[in-house]
Amino acid sequence: MTEAGGRPGPPKRDERDDGRLEAGEIRTAISAGETETATAGEALGRELKPGDVVLLYGDLGAGKTAFVRGMARGIGANPDEVTSPTFTIIQEYAGPSATLYHVDLYRLDSVEIEDLGLDDLVSGDGIVAIEWAERWTGRPDDVTEVWITDLAEDRRSIEVRSPP
């Protein structure tokens, strides 16, 4: 683009200004603790809509539940209610426009996972976040993936991959 007088003007912007992930985009952030991990989850939560599925990957203690706590805040649910669903397996957090279903597959074997009915849950009208998603062999492809990696000294790499 050129301005009057032949000087180059500002470049044309093709990117969206709302901060939302584009299809197939990968966004990476470094977190310096649980609060920042939750803040990253909150940012994603603000972008989610009913029917979205988020699969979370990371070692034990990586910050998956802290990330989901932020997602709950992002959809307007009470983040103080979010705890690791290790023993209840599926927890629900109601927001004003959607319910967040928080699933933890850590203690389940493949038969128990199959019996959960995750296919029905992810095809519903809530937002579904699944910790230890690698344990679910039937996971769909059109999901957002979150990979949390421990970098030591309370630092984490958080990689968010949007669906293709």
N, C-alpha and C. Protein backbone atom coordinates (compact mmCIF):
# COMPACT_ATOMS: atom_id res chain seq x y z
N MET A 1 0.84 -1.18 0.00
CA MET A 1 0.00 0.00 0.00
C MET A 1 0.87 1.24 0.00
N THR A 2 0.41 2.24 -0.65
CA THR A 2 1.14 3.50 -0.63
C THR A 2 0.20 4.61 -0.24
N GLU A 3 0.76 5.58 0.49
CA GLU A 3 -0.01 6.76 0.86
C GLU A 3 0.09 7.78 -0.27
N ALA A 4 -0.69 8.84 -0.16
CA ALA A 4 -0.57 9.94 -1.11
C ALA A 4 0.86 10.43 -1.08
N GLY A 5 1.43 10.72 -2.22
CA GLY A 5 2.81 11.17 -2.28
C GLY A 5 3.76 10.03 -2.55
N GLY A 6 3.23 8.79 -2.70
CA GLY A 6 4.06 7.67 -3.08
C GLY A 6 4.82 6.98 -1.95
N ARG A 7 4.66 7.46 -0.70
CA ARG A 7 5.36 6.80 0.41
C ARG A 7 4.61 5.53 0.81
N PRO A 8 5.34 4.52 1.25
CA PRO A 8 4.66 3.30 1.70
C PRO A 8 3.83 3.59 2.94
N GLY A 9 2.63 3.06 2.97
CA GLY A 9 1.75 3.21 4.13
C GLY A 9 1.88 2.00 5.03
N PRO A 10 1.06 1.96 6.04
CA PRO A 10 1.12 0.81 6.95
C PRO A 10 0.70 -0.46 6.22
N PRO A 11 1.29 -1.58 6.60
CA PRO A 11 0.92 -2.83 5.93
C PRO A 11 -0.53 -3.17 6.22
N LYS A 12 -1.16 -3.83 5.25
CA LYS A 12 -2.54 -4.29 5.45
C LYS A 12 -2.51 -5.45 6.44
N ARG A 13 -3.43 -5.45 7.37
CA ARG A 13 -3.49 -6.50 8.38
C ARG A 13 -4.50 -7.56 7.97
N ASP A 14 -4.04 -8.79 7.89
CA ASP A 14 -4.93 -9.89 7.59
C ASP A 14 -5.32 -10.63 8.86
N GLU A 15 -4.58 -10.43 9.95
CA GLU A 15 -4.85 -11.15 11.18
C GLU A 15 -6.09 -10.60 11.87
N ARG A 16 -6.76 -11.49 12.61
CA ARG A 16 -7.88 -11.03 13.42
C ARG A 16 -7.32 -10.31 14.63
N ASP A 17 -8.03 -9.31 15.08
CA ASP A 17 -7.57 -8.53 16.23
C ASP A 17 -8.13 -9.04 17.55
N ASP A 18 -8.96 -10.09 17.54
CA ASP A 18 -9.60 -10.53 18.78
C ASP A 18 -8.76 -11.52 19.59
N GLY A 19 -7.58 -11.91 19.10
CA GLY A 19 -6.70 -12.80 19.86
C GLY A 19 -7.09 -14.26 19.79
N ARG A 20 -8.16 -14.61 19.09
CA ARG A 20 -8.61 -16.00 19.00
C ARG A 20 -7.66 -16.81 18.12
N LEU A 21 -7.56 -18.09 18.45
CA LEU A 21 -6.73 -18.99 17.65
C LEU A 21 -7.36 -19.22 16.28
N GLU A 22 -6.53 -19.20 15.26
CA GLU A 22 -6.96 -19.56 13.91
C GLU A 22 -6.92 -21.08 13.80
N ALA A 23 -7.63 -21.64 12.82
CA ALA A 23 -7.62 -23.08 12.59
C ALA A 23 -6.19 -23.56 12.38
N GLY A 24 -5.81 -24.60 13.11
CA GLY A 24 -4.49 -25.18 12.98
C GLY A 24 -3.36 -24.40 13.63
N GLU A 25 -3.67 -23.31 14.31
CA GLU A 25 -2.64 -22.48 14.93
C GLU A 25 -2.11 -23.13 16.20
N ILE A 26 -0.83 -22.88 16.48
CA ILE A 26 -0.20 -23.33 17.72
C ILE A 26 0.27 -22.08 18.46
N ARG A 27 -0.13 -21.97 19.71
CA ARG A 27 0.27 -20.83 20.55
C ARG A 27 1.03 -21.39 21.75
N THR A 28 2.21 -20.84 22.03
CA THR A 28 3.03 -21.31 23.14
C THR A 28 3.28 -20.17 24.12
N ALA A 29 3.20 -20.49 25.42
CA ALA A 29 3.48 -19.52 26.47
C ALA A 29 4.33 -20.20 27.54
N ILE A 30 5.07 -19.41 28.26
CA ILE A 30 5.84 -19.91 29.40
C ILE A 30 5.17 -19.38 30.66
N SER A 31 4.88 -20.29 31.57
CA SER A 31 4.23 -19.94 32.83
C SER A 31 5.26 -20.01 33.96
N ALA A 32 5.20 -19.05 34.87
CA ALA A 32 6.12 -19.03 36.01
C ALA A 32 5.42 -19.48 37.29
N GLY A 33 4.33 -20.21 37.17
CA GLY A 33 3.65 -20.71 38.35
C GLY A 33 2.19 -20.98 38.10
N GLU A 34 1.51 -21.47 39.12
CA GLU A 34 0.12 -21.88 39.00
C GLU A 34 -0.79 -20.74 38.57
N THR A 35 -0.57 -19.53 39.08
CA THR A 35 -1.42 -18.40 38.72
C THR A 35 -1.32 -18.10 37.23
N GLU A 36 -0.11 -18.11 36.69
CA GLU A 36 0.06 -17.84 35.26
C GLU A 36 -0.49 -18.98 34.41
N THR A 37 -0.41 -20.21 34.91
CA THR A 37 -0.99 -21.34 34.19
C THR A 37 -2.51 -21.17 34.12
N ALA A 38 -3.11 -20.78 35.24
CA ALA A 38 -4.56 -20.53 35.26
C ALA A 38 -4.93 -19.37 34.34
N THR A 39 -4.09 -18.35 34.28
CA THR A 39 -4.35 -17.21 33.40
C THR A 39 -4.35 -17.64 31.93
N ALA A 40 -3.44 -18.55 31.57
CA ALA A 40 -3.42 -19.08 30.20
C ALA A 40 -4.70 -19.87 29.93
N GLY A 41 -5.15 -20.62 30.91
CA GLY A 41 -6.41 -21.36 30.76
C GLY A 41 -7.61 -20.43 30.63
N GLU A 42 -7.57 -19.33 31.38
CA GLU A 42 -8.66 -18.35 31.29
C GLU A 42 -8.74 -17.74 29.90
N ALA A 43 -7.60 -17.43 29.31
CA ALA A 43 -7.57 -16.87 27.96
C ALA A 43 -8.21 -17.84 26.96
N LEU A 44 -7.88 -19.12 27.08
CA LEU A 44 -8.50 -20.10 26.20
C LEU A 44 -9.99 -20.22 26.50
N GLY A 45 -10.34 -20.24 27.77
CA GLY A 45 -11.75 -20.37 28.17
C GLY A 45 -12.63 -19.29 27.55
N ARG A 46 -12.10 -18.08 27.42
CA ARG A 46 -12.87 -16.99 26.82
C ARG A 46 -13.16 -17.23 25.34
N GLU A 47 -12.35 -18.07 24.70
CA GLU A 47 -12.53 -18.37 23.28
C GLU A 47 -13.45 -19.56 23.03
N LEU A 48 -13.70 -20.36 24.06
CA LEU A 48 -14.45 -21.60 23.87
C LEU A 48 -15.95 -21.34 23.76
N LYS A 49 -16.60 -22.27 23.09
CA LYS A 49 -18.05 -22.20 22.94
C LYS A 49 -18.63 -23.60 23.18
N PRO A 50 -19.93 -23.69 23.44
CA PRO A 50 -20.53 -25.02 23.65
C PRO A 50 -20.19 -25.96 22.49
N GLY A 51 -19.84 -27.19 22.84
CA GLY A 51 -19.46 -28.20 21.86
C GLY A 51 -17.96 -28.33 21.69
N ASP A 52 -17.17 -27.39 22.24
CA ASP A 52 -15.71 -27.47 22.12
C ASP A 52 -15.15 -28.53 23.07
N VAL A 53 -14.08 -29.16 22.63
CA VAL A 53 -13.40 -30.19 23.41
C VAL A 53 -11.93 -29.80 23.53
N VAL A 54 -11.41 -29.88 24.77
CA VAL A 54 -10.01 -29.57 25.04
C VAL A 54 -9.37 -30.80 25.66
N LEU A 55 -8.33 -31.31 25.00
CA LEU A 55 -7.60 -32.46 25.52
C LEU A 55 -6.31 -31.96 26.14
N LEU A 56 -6.07 -32.35 27.40
CA LEU A 56 -4.90 -31.87 28.14
C LEU A 56 -3.89 -33.00 28.33
N TYR A 57 -2.63 -32.67 28.05
CA TYR A 57 -1.53 -33.62 28.16
C TYR A 57 -0.46 -33.02 29.06
N GLY A 58 0.14 -33.83 29.89
CA GLY A 58 1.23 -33.38 30.75
C GLY A 58 1.43 -34.37 31.87
N ASP A 59 2.63 -34.35 32.42
CA ASP A 59 2.94 -35.26 33.52
C ASP A 59 2.13 -34.92 34.76
N LEU A 60 2.15 -35.83 35.72
CA LEU A 60 1.51 -35.62 37.01
C LEU A 60 2.09 -34.35 37.64
N GLY A 61 1.23 -33.44 38.06
CA GLY A 61 1.68 -32.21 38.68
C GLY A 61 2.09 -31.12 37.71
N ALA A 62 1.85 -31.32 36.42
CA ALA A 62 2.27 -30.34 35.41
C ALA A 62 1.46 -29.05 35.46
N GLY A 63 0.21 -29.13 35.94
CA GLY A 63 -0.61 -27.93 36.00
C GLY A 63 -1.89 -28.03 35.18
N LYS A 64 -2.28 -29.25 34.81
CA LYS A 64 -3.49 -29.43 34.01
C LYS A 64 -4.73 -28.92 34.73
N THR A 65 -4.87 -29.24 36.02
CA THR A 65 -6.04 -28.79 36.77
C THR A 65 -6.02 -27.28 36.96
N ALA A 66 -4.86 -26.69 37.18
CA ALA A 66 -4.76 -25.22 37.27
C ALA A 66 -5.20 -24.58 35.96
N PHE A 67 -4.83 -25.18 34.84
CA PHE A 67 -5.24 -24.68 33.54
C PHE A 67 -6.76 -24.74 33.40
N VAL A 68 -7.36 -25.86 33.81
CA VAL A 68 -8.82 -26.00 33.74
C VAL A 68 -9.50 -25.01 34.68
N ARG A 69 -8.89 -24.74 35.83
CA ARG A 69 -9.43 -23.72 36.75
C ARG A 69 -9.53 -22.37 36.03
N GLY A 70 -8.52 -22.06 35.26
CA GLY A 70 -8.56 -20.83 34.46
C GLY A 70 -9.61 -20.89 33.37
N MET A 71 -9.77 -22.05 32.74
CA MET A 71 -10.82 -22.20 31.73
C MET A 71 -12.18 -21.93 32.35
N ALA A 72 -12.41 -22.45 33.55
CA ALA A 72 -13.69 -22.21 34.23
C ALA A 72 -13.91 -20.72 34.43
N ARG A 73 -12.90 -20.02 34.88
CA ARG A 73 -13.02 -18.57 35.05
C ARG A 73 -13.33 -17.91 33.71
N GLY A 74 -12.69 -18.38 32.65
CA GLY A 74 -12.88 -17.81 31.32
C GLY A 74 -14.29 -17.96 30.79
N ILE A 75 -15.00 -19.03 31.18
CA ILE A 75 -16.39 -19.19 30.73
C ILE A 75 -17.39 -18.61 31.73
N GLY A 76 -16.88 -18.06 32.82
CA GLY A 76 -17.75 -17.44 33.81
C GLY A 76 -18.20 -18.36 34.93
N ALA A 77 -17.61 -19.55 35.03
CA ALA A 77 -17.91 -20.47 36.14
C ALA A 77 -17.01 -20.12 37.32
N ASN A 78 -17.37 -20.61 38.50
CA ASN A 78 -16.61 -20.33 39.71
C ASN A 78 -15.32 -21.16 39.72
N PRO A 79 -14.16 -20.54 39.57
CA PRO A 79 -12.91 -21.31 39.53
C PRO A 79 -12.56 -21.97 40.87
N ASP A 80 -13.13 -21.45 41.96
CA ASP A 80 -12.84 -22.03 43.27
C ASP A 80 -13.43 -23.43 43.42
N GLU A 81 -14.38 -23.79 42.57
CA GLU A 81 -14.99 -25.11 42.62
C GLU A 81 -14.15 -26.17 41.91
N VAL A 82 -13.17 -25.74 41.12
CA VAL A 82 -12.40 -26.68 40.30
C VAL A 82 -11.34 -27.39 41.14
N THR A 83 -11.46 -28.70 41.19
CA THR A 83 -10.45 -29.54 41.83
C THR A 83 -10.14 -30.68 40.87
N SER A 84 -9.08 -31.39 41.14
CA SER A 84 -8.74 -32.52 40.29
C SER A 84 -9.83 -33.58 40.43
N PRO A 85 -10.42 -34.00 39.30
CA PRO A 85 -11.51 -34.98 39.38
C PRO A 85 -11.03 -36.42 39.41
N THR A 86 -9.85 -36.66 39.98
CA THR A 86 -9.26 -37.99 39.96
C THR A 86 -10.19 -39.06 40.51
N PHE A 87 -10.92 -38.77 41.57
CA PHE A 87 -11.77 -39.80 42.16
C PHE A 87 -13.23 -39.68 41.73
N THR A 88 -13.69 -38.50 41.33
CA THR A 88 -15.05 -38.35 40.85
C THR A 88 -15.13 -38.52 39.34
N ILE A 89 -14.04 -38.51 38.67
CA ILE A 89 -13.83 -38.75 37.25
C ILE A 89 -14.39 -37.62 36.37
N ILE A 90 -15.65 -37.23 36.56
CA ILE A 90 -16.22 -36.13 35.77
C ILE A 90 -16.86 -35.13 36.73
N GLN A 91 -16.43 -33.88 36.61
CA GLN A 91 -17.04 -32.80 37.40
C GLN A 91 -17.65 -31.78 36.44
N GLU A 92 -18.70 -31.09 36.92
CA GLU A 92 -19.38 -30.09 36.10
C GLU A 92 -19.27 -28.72 36.76
N TYR A 93 -19.00 -27.71 35.95
CA TYR A 93 -18.93 -26.33 36.42
C TYR A 93 -19.80 -25.50 35.49
N ALA A 94 -20.87 -24.94 36.02
CA ALA A 94 -21.82 -24.19 35.20
C ALA A 94 -21.39 -22.74 35.05
N GLY A 95 -21.34 -22.30 33.82
CA GLY A 95 -21.12 -20.89 33.49
C GLY A 95 -22.42 -20.32 32.96
N PRO A 96 -22.47 -19.02 32.70
CA PRO A 96 -23.71 -18.41 32.24
C PRO A 96 -24.18 -18.90 30.86
N SER A 97 -23.24 -19.30 29.98
CA SER A 97 -23.67 -19.72 28.65
C SER A 97 -23.26 -21.15 28.30
N ALA A 98 -22.54 -21.81 29.20
CA ALA A 98 -22.12 -23.20 28.93
C ALA A 98 -21.70 -23.87 30.23
N THR A 99 -21.75 -25.18 30.22
CA THR A 99 -21.24 -25.98 31.33
C THR A 99 -19.90 -26.58 30.90
N LEU A 100 -18.94 -26.50 31.81
CA LEU A 100 -17.63 -27.11 31.58
C LEU A 100 -17.63 -28.47 32.26
N TYR A 101 -17.38 -29.52 31.48
CA TYR A 101 -17.25 -30.87 32.00
C TYR A 101 -15.75 -31.18 32.09
N HIS A 102 -15.29 -31.48 33.30
CA HIS A 102 -13.87 -31.70 33.58
C HIS A 102 -13.68 -33.18 33.86
N VAL A 103 -12.93 -33.86 33.01
CA VAL A 103 -12.76 -35.31 33.07
C VAL A 103 -11.30 -35.64 33.35
N ASP A 104 -11.06 -36.63 34.20
CA ASP A 104 -9.71 -37.09 34.50
C ASP A 104 -9.64 -38.59 34.26
N LEU A 105 -8.81 -39.00 33.33
CA LEU A 105 -8.70 -40.42 32.97
C LEU A 105 -7.52 -41.11 33.63
N TYR A 106 -6.83 -40.44 34.55
CA TYR A 106 -5.58 -40.95 35.11
C TYR A 106 -5.70 -42.35 35.70
N ARG A 107 -6.70 -42.60 36.49
CA ARG A 107 -6.80 -43.87 37.21
C ARG A 107 -7.63 -44.94 36.49
N LEU A 108 -8.02 -44.67 35.26
CA LEU A 108 -8.91 -45.59 34.56
C LEU A 108 -8.16 -46.44 33.54
N ASP A 109 -8.62 -47.69 33.39
CA ASP A 109 -8.06 -48.53 32.33
C ASP A 109 -8.92 -48.36 31.08
N SER A 110 -8.53 -48.99 29.99
CA SER A 110 -9.20 -48.77 28.70
C SER A 110 -10.67 -49.18 28.73
N VAL A 111 -11.00 -50.25 29.43
CA VAL A 111 -12.40 -50.69 29.51
C VAL A 111 -13.23 -49.66 30.28
N GLU A 112 -12.70 -49.16 31.39
CA GLU A 112 -13.43 -48.15 32.17
C GLU A 112 -13.60 -46.86 31.37
N ILE A 113 -12.60 -46.49 30.60
CA ILE A 113 -12.70 -45.29 29.76
C ILE A 113 -13.78 -45.49 28.71
N GLU A 114 -13.81 -46.65 28.10
CA GLU A 114 -14.84 -46.96 27.10
C GLU A 114 -16.25 -46.88 27.71
N ASP A 115 -16.38 -47.31 28.95
CA ASP A 115 -17.68 -47.31 29.63
C ASP A 115 -18.15 -45.92 30.07
N LEU A 116 -17.26 -44.93 30.05
CA LEU A 116 -17.64 -43.58 30.48
C LEU A 116 -18.63 -42.89 29.54
N GLY A 117 -18.64 -43.28 28.30
CA GLY A 117 -19.51 -42.63 27.34
C GLY A 117 -18.98 -41.27 26.90
N LEU A 118 -17.67 -41.16 26.75
CA LEU A 118 -17.07 -39.89 26.36
C LEU A 118 -17.55 -39.42 24.99
N ASP A 119 -17.86 -40.35 24.09
CA ASP A 119 -18.35 -39.96 22.77
C ASP A 119 -19.63 -39.14 22.91
N ASP A 120 -20.52 -39.56 23.80
CA ASP A 120 -21.76 -38.82 24.03
C ASP A 120 -21.48 -37.47 24.67
N LEU A 121 -20.55 -37.46 25.62
CA LEU A 121 -20.23 -36.21 26.32
C LEU A 121 -19.66 -35.18 25.36
N VAL A 122 -18.71 -35.58 24.52
CA VAL A 122 -18.08 -34.62 23.62
C VAL A 122 -18.98 -34.21 22.47
N SER A 123 -20.03 -34.95 22.21
CA SER A 123 -20.96 -34.55 21.14
C SER A 123 -22.13 -33.75 21.71
N GLY A 124 -22.08 -33.44 23.00
CA GLY A 124 -23.14 -32.67 23.65
C GLY A 124 -22.95 -31.18 23.48
N ASP A 125 -23.67 -30.42 24.30
CA ASP A 125 -23.65 -28.96 24.17
C ASP A 125 -22.83 -28.26 25.24
N GLY A 126 -22.01 -29.02 25.96
CA GLY A 126 -21.12 -28.41 26.95
C GLY A 126 -19.73 -28.24 26.37
N ILE A 127 -18.84 -27.72 27.20
CA ILE A 127 -17.41 -27.64 26.88
C ILE A 127 -16.76 -28.76 27.68
N VAL A 128 -15.94 -29.57 27.05
CA VAL A 128 -15.35 -30.72 27.72
C VAL A 128 -13.83 -30.57 27.77
N ALA A 129 -13.26 -30.70 28.97
CA ALA A 129 -11.81 -30.68 29.17
C ALA A 129 -11.42 -32.04 29.74
N ILE A 130 -10.50 -32.73 29.07
CA ILE A 130 -10.13 -34.08 29.46
C ILE A 130 -8.64 -34.14 29.79
N GLU A 131 -8.34 -34.41 31.08
CA GLU A 131 -6.96 -34.61 31.50
C GLU A 131 -6.56 -36.06 31.24
N TRP A 132 -5.29 -36.25 30.93
CA TRP A 132 -4.73 -37.57 30.61
C TRP A 132 -5.42 -38.12 29.35
N ALA A 133 -5.63 -37.23 28.38
CA ALA A 133 -6.36 -37.57 27.17
C ALA A 133 -5.68 -38.66 26.35
N GLU A 134 -4.38 -38.83 26.51
CA GLU A 134 -3.68 -39.87 25.76
C GLU A 134 -4.18 -41.26 26.10
N ARG A 135 -4.88 -41.41 27.20
CA ARG A 135 -5.41 -42.71 27.62
C ARG A 135 -6.70 -43.07 26.88
N TRP A 136 -7.30 -42.10 26.17
CA TRP A 136 -8.55 -42.32 25.45
C TRP A 136 -8.22 -42.60 23.98
N THR A 137 -8.38 -43.84 23.56
CA THR A 137 -8.03 -44.21 22.19
C THR A 137 -9.04 -43.69 21.18
N GLY A 138 -10.26 -43.38 21.60
CA GLY A 138 -11.30 -42.93 20.67
C GLY A 138 -11.43 -41.42 20.56
N ARG A 139 -10.39 -40.68 20.98
CA ARG A 139 -10.52 -39.22 20.98
C ARG A 139 -10.70 -38.68 19.56
N PRO A 140 -11.54 -37.66 19.43
CA PRO A 140 -11.79 -37.08 18.10
C PRO A 140 -10.62 -36.22 17.63
N ASP A 141 -10.64 -35.85 16.35
CA ASP A 141 -9.57 -35.05 15.77
C ASP A 141 -9.83 -33.55 15.85
N ASP A 142 -11.10 -33.15 15.87
CA ASP A 142 -11.45 -31.73 15.81
C ASP A 142 -11.52 -31.12 17.22
N VAL A 143 -10.39 -31.15 17.90
CA VAL A 143 -10.31 -30.70 19.29
C VAL A 143 -9.16 -29.71 19.46
N THR A 144 -9.19 -29.00 20.56
CA THR A 144 -8.05 -28.18 20.96
C THR A 144 -7.19 -29.03 21.88
N GLU A 145 -5.89 -29.05 21.64
CA GLU A 145 -4.97 -29.80 22.49
C GLU A 145 -4.12 -28.82 23.28
N VAL A 146 -3.92 -29.16 24.56
CA VAL A 146 -3.05 -28.36 25.43
C VAL A 146 -1.97 -29.29 25.97
N TRP A 147 -0.73 -28.95 25.69
CA TRP A 147 0.43 -29.71 26.15
C TRP A 147 1.16 -28.86 27.18
N ILE A 148 1.25 -29.37 28.41
CA ILE A 148 1.94 -28.64 29.48
C ILE A 148 3.20 -29.43 29.85
N THR A 149 4.34 -28.77 29.75
CA THR A 149 5.63 -29.42 29.99
C THR A 149 6.36 -28.70 31.11
N ASP A 150 6.84 -29.46 32.08
CA ASP A 150 7.60 -28.92 33.20
C ASP A 150 8.98 -28.49 32.71
N LEU A 151 9.32 -27.23 32.97
CA LEU A 151 10.65 -26.71 32.60
C LEU A 151 11.54 -26.54 33.83
N ALA A 152 11.09 -27.00 34.98
CA ALA A 152 11.81 -26.91 36.26
C ALA A 152 11.60 -25.54 36.91
N GLU A 153 11.81 -25.50 38.21
CA GLU A 153 11.68 -24.27 39.02
C GLU A 153 10.33 -23.59 38.82
N ASP A 154 9.23 -24.36 38.86
CA ASP A 154 7.86 -23.86 38.71
C ASP A 154 7.53 -23.28 37.34
N ARG A 155 8.42 -23.41 36.39
CA ARG A 155 8.15 -22.91 35.04
C ARG A 155 7.56 -24.02 34.19
N ARG A 156 6.61 -23.65 33.35
CA ARG A 156 5.94 -24.59 32.46
C ARG A 156 5.88 -24.01 31.06
N SER A 157 5.99 -24.87 30.07
CA SER A 157 5.69 -24.50 28.70
C SER A 157 4.25 -24.96 28.45
N ILE A 158 3.43 -24.05 27.95
CA ILE A 158 2.03 -24.37 27.65
C ILE A 158 1.84 -24.16 26.16
N GLU A 159 1.56 -25.25 25.47
CA GLU A 159 1.34 -25.20 24.03
C GLU A 159 -0.12 -25.50 23.76
N VAL A 160 -0.82 -24.59 23.10
CA VAL A 160 -2.22 -24.74 22.75
C VAL A 160 -2.30 -24.91 21.24
N ARG A 161 -2.88 -26.02 20.81
CA ARG A 161 -3.01 -26.32 19.38
C ARG A 161 -4.50 -26.31 19.04
N SER A 162 -4.90 -25.42 18.15
CA SER A 162 -6.31 -25.35 17.76
C SER A 162 -6.63 -26.45 16.76
N PRO A 163 -7.92 -26.78 16.65
CA PRO A 163 -8.30 -27.81 15.68
C PRO A 163 -7.99 -27.36 14.25
N PRO A 164 -7.75 -28.34 13.38
CA PRO A 164 -7.45 -28.00 11.97
C PRO A 164 -8.65 -27.35 11.28
